[in-house]
Amino acid sequence: MRTLTILAAAAATLVATAATAAPVERSFTRDGHTYVYTTSALDEQRTLIEGHEAERGGRFRFVVNGNRVSGQANGVPVSFRAAQSLTVNAAGAAN
């Protein structure tokens, strides 16, 4: 019985570790459109935001460096300044 408990605890730890290693999908709705995205740290200064529009499937990929954002939205190059800088920790959670 004790061995079963230890194995269950070890499996739960592995599942929790695997879950934190994968980027967490988030979403928001603006002007009636829902967007789903993930964030991940490229390095100490740059954050990658990748996602798509839920209804139409249009994709976007942005690199945030401080308050500067560049990348593509629906295949169109974009570049703009963000209202505030974005940093992501190693687990992928935005600060």
C-alpha atoms as a PDB file:
ATOM      1  CA  MET A   1       0.000   0.000   0.000  1.00  0.00           C
ATOM      2  CA  ARG A   2       2.822   2.395   0.867  1.00  0.00           C
ATOM      3  CA  THR A   3       4.513   1.726  -2.500  1.00  0.00           C
ATOM      4  CA  LEU A   4       1.283   2.618  -4.306  1.00  0.00           C
ATOM      5  CA  THR A   5       1.058   5.895  -2.379  1.00  0.00           C
ATOM      6  CA  ILE A   6       4.676   6.786  -3.236  1.00  0.00           C
ATOM      7  CA  LEU A   7       4.112   5.983  -6.941  1.00  0.00           C
ATOM      8  CA  ALA A   8       0.936   8.078  -7.016  1.00  0.00           C
ATOM      9  CA  ALA A   9       2.746  11.022  -5.413  1.00  0.00           C
ATOM     10  CA  ALA A  10       5.641  10.703  -7.881  1.00  0.00           C
ATOM     11  CA  ALA A  11       3.236  10.557 -10.837  1.00  0.00           C
ATOM     12  CA  ALA A  12       1.377  13.627  -9.570  1.00  0.00           C
ATOM     13  CA  THR A  13       4.682  15.504  -9.293  1.00  0.00           C
ATOM     14  CA  LEU A  14       5.670  14.549 -12.851  1.00  0.00           C
ATOM     15  CA  VAL A  15       2.282  15.638 -14.225  1.00  0.00           C
ATOM     16  CA  ALA A  16       2.512  18.971 -12.399  1.00  0.00           C
ATOM     17  CA  THR A  17       6.064  19.523 -13.699  1.00  0.00           C
ATOM     18  CA  ALA A  18       5.054  18.686 -17.265  1.00  0.00           C
ATOM     19  CA  ALA A  19       2.079  21.036 -17.025  1.00  0.00           C
ATOM     20  CA  THR A  20       4.237  23.973 -15.960  1.00  0.00           C
ATOM     21  CA  ALA A  21       6.791  23.289 -18.708  1.00  0.00           C
ATOM     22  CA  ALA A  22       4.221  23.821 -21.486  1.00  0.00           C
ATOM     23  CA  PRO A  23       3.066  27.369 -22.253  1.00  0.00           C
ATOM     24  CA  VAL A  24      -0.329  28.202 -20.761  1.00  0.00           C
ATOM     25  CA  GLU A  25      -2.995  29.248 -23.254  1.00  0.00           C
ATOM     26  CA  ARG A  26      -4.774  32.454 -22.373  1.00  0.00           C
ATOM     27  CA  SER A  27      -7.533  34.338 -24.152  1.00  0.00           C
ATOM     28  CA  PHE A  28      -9.181  37.732 -24.324  1.00  0.00           C
ATOM     29  CA  THR A  29     -12.076  39.247 -26.243  1.00  0.00           C
ATOM     30  CA  ARG A  30     -11.991  42.634 -27.930  1.00  0.00           C
ATOM     31  CA  ASP A  31     -14.566  44.155 -30.282  1.00  0.00           C
ATOM     32  CA  GLY A  32     -16.435  40.841 -30.356  1.00  0.00           C
ATOM     33  CA  HIS A  33     -13.381  38.797 -31.420  1.00  0.00           C
ATOM     34  CA  THR A  34     -11.737  36.216 -29.141  1.00  0.00           C
ATOM     35  CA  TYR A  35      -7.975  35.751 -29.297  1.00  0.00           C
ATOM     36  CA  VAL A  36      -6.095  32.773 -27.854  1.00  0.00           C
ATOM     37  CA  TYR A  37      -2.350  33.092 -27.184  1.00  0.00           C
ATOM     38  CA  THR A  38       0.679  31.848 -25.275  1.00  0.00           C
ATOM     39  CA  THR A  39       3.689  33.746 -23.980  1.00  0.00           C
ATOM     40  CA  SER A  40       7.225  32.498 -23.491  1.00  0.00           C
ATOM     41  CA  ALA A  41      10.565  34.053 -22.657  1.00  0.00           C
ATOM     42  CA  LEU A  42      13.049  34.154 -25.532  1.00  0.00           C
ATOM     43  CA  ASP A  43      15.736  35.536 -23.221  1.00  0.00           C
ATOM     44  CA  GLU A  44      15.961  37.947 -20.277  1.00  0.00           C
ATOM     45  CA  GLN A  45      14.761  40.905 -22.371  1.00  0.00           C
ATOM     46  CA  ARG A  46      12.479  39.478 -25.059  1.00  0.00           C
ATOM     47  CA  THR A  47       9.069  37.804 -24.825  1.00  0.00           C
ATOM     48  CA  LEU A  48       7.343  35.834 -27.577  1.00  0.00           C
ATOM     49  CA  ILE A  49       3.550  36.058 -27.927  1.00  0.00           C
ATOM     50  CA  GLU A  50       1.972  33.597 -30.371  1.00  0.00           C
ATOM     51  CA  GLY A  51      -1.704  33.011 -31.011  1.00  0.00           C
ATOM     52  CA  HIS A  52      -4.731  33.109 -33.254  1.00  0.00           C
ATOM     53  CA  GLU A  53      -8.195  34.550 -33.524  1.00  0.00           C
ATOM     54  CA  ALA A  54     -10.581  31.848 -32.327  1.00  0.00           C
ATOM     55  CA  GLU A  55     -13.406  32.393 -34.836  1.00  0.00           C
ATOM     56  CA  ARG A  56     -11.465  33.161 -38.022  1.00  0.00           C
ATOM     57  CA  GLY A  57      -8.140  31.487 -37.296  1.00  0.00           C
ATOM     58  CA  GLY A  58      -5.968  34.487 -38.198  1.00  0.00           C
ATOM     59  CA  ARG A  59      -2.530  33.933 -36.652  1.00  0.00           C
ATOM     60  CA  PHE A  60      -0.141  36.364 -34.980  1.00  0.00           C
ATOM     61  CA  ARG A  61       3.414  36.203 -33.656  1.00  0.00           C
ATOM     62  CA  PHE A  62       4.931  39.118 -31.743  1.00  0.00           C
ATOM     63  CA  VAL A  63       8.299  39.657 -30.108  1.00  0.00           C
ATOM     64  CA  VAL A  64       8.180  42.140 -27.228  1.00  0.00           C
ATOM     65  CA  ASN A  65      11.441  43.851 -26.269  1.00  0.00           C
ATOM     66  CA  GLY A  66      10.763  46.283 -23.427  1.00  0.00           C
ATOM     67  CA  ASN A  67       7.828  48.327 -24.715  1.00  0.00           C
ATOM     68  CA  ARG A  68       8.627  47.722 -28.407  1.00  0.00           C
ATOM     69  CA  VAL A  69       6.548  45.088 -30.255  1.00  0.00           C
ATOM     70  CA  SER A  70       7.335  43.673 -33.701  1.00  0.00           C
ATOM     71  CA  GLY A  71       6.150  40.655 -35.641  1.00  0.00           C
ATOM     72  CA  GLN A  72       3.332  39.563 -37.937  1.00  0.00           C
ATOM     73  CA  ALA A  73      -0.456  39.525 -37.768  1.00  0.00           C
ATOM     74  CA  ASN A  74      -2.226  37.551 -40.527  1.00  0.00           C
ATOM     75  CA  GLY A  75       1.033  37.580 -42.505  1.00  0.00           C
ATOM     76  CA  VAL A  76       1.343  41.384 -42.351  1.00  0.00           C
ATOM     77  CA  PRO A  77       4.445  42.856 -40.665  1.00  0.00           C
ATOM     78  CA  VAL A  78       3.632  45.042 -37.651  1.00  0.00           C
ATOM     79  CA  SER A  79       5.688  47.202 -35.308  1.00  0.00           C
ATOM     80  CA  PHE A  80       4.445  49.417 -32.497  1.00  0.00           C
ATOM     81  CA  ARG A  81       5.055  50.582 -28.939  1.00  0.00           C
ATOM     82  CA  ALA A  82       3.190  48.922 -26.075  1.00  0.00           C
ATOM     83  CA  ALA A  83       1.701  50.950 -23.233  1.00  0.00           C
ATOM     84  CA  GLN A  84       3.948  49.072 -20.779  1.00  0.00           C
ATOM     85  CA  SER A  85       6.799  46.577 -21.030  1.00  0.00           C
ATOM     86  CA  LEU A  86       6.097  42.852 -20.703  1.00  0.00           C
ATOM     87  CA  THR A  87       8.355  40.302 -19.045  1.00  0.00           C
ATOM     88  CA  VAL A  88       7.798  36.550 -18.801  1.00  0.00           C
ATOM     89  CA  ASN A  89       9.412  34.282 -16.237  1.00  0.00           C
ATOM     90  CA  ALA A  90      10.907  30.888 -17.097  1.00  0.00           C
ATOM     91  CA  ALA A  91       7.574  29.117 -16.444  1.00  0.00           C
ATOM     92  CA  GLY A  92       5.871  31.274 -19.076  1.00  0.00           C
ATOM     93  CA  ALA A  93       3.752  33.404 -16.765  1.00  0.00           C
ATOM     94  CA  ALA A  94       3.539  37.052 -17.771  1.00  0.00           C
ATOM     95  CA  ASN A  95       4.368  39.671 -15.168  1.00  0.00           C
END
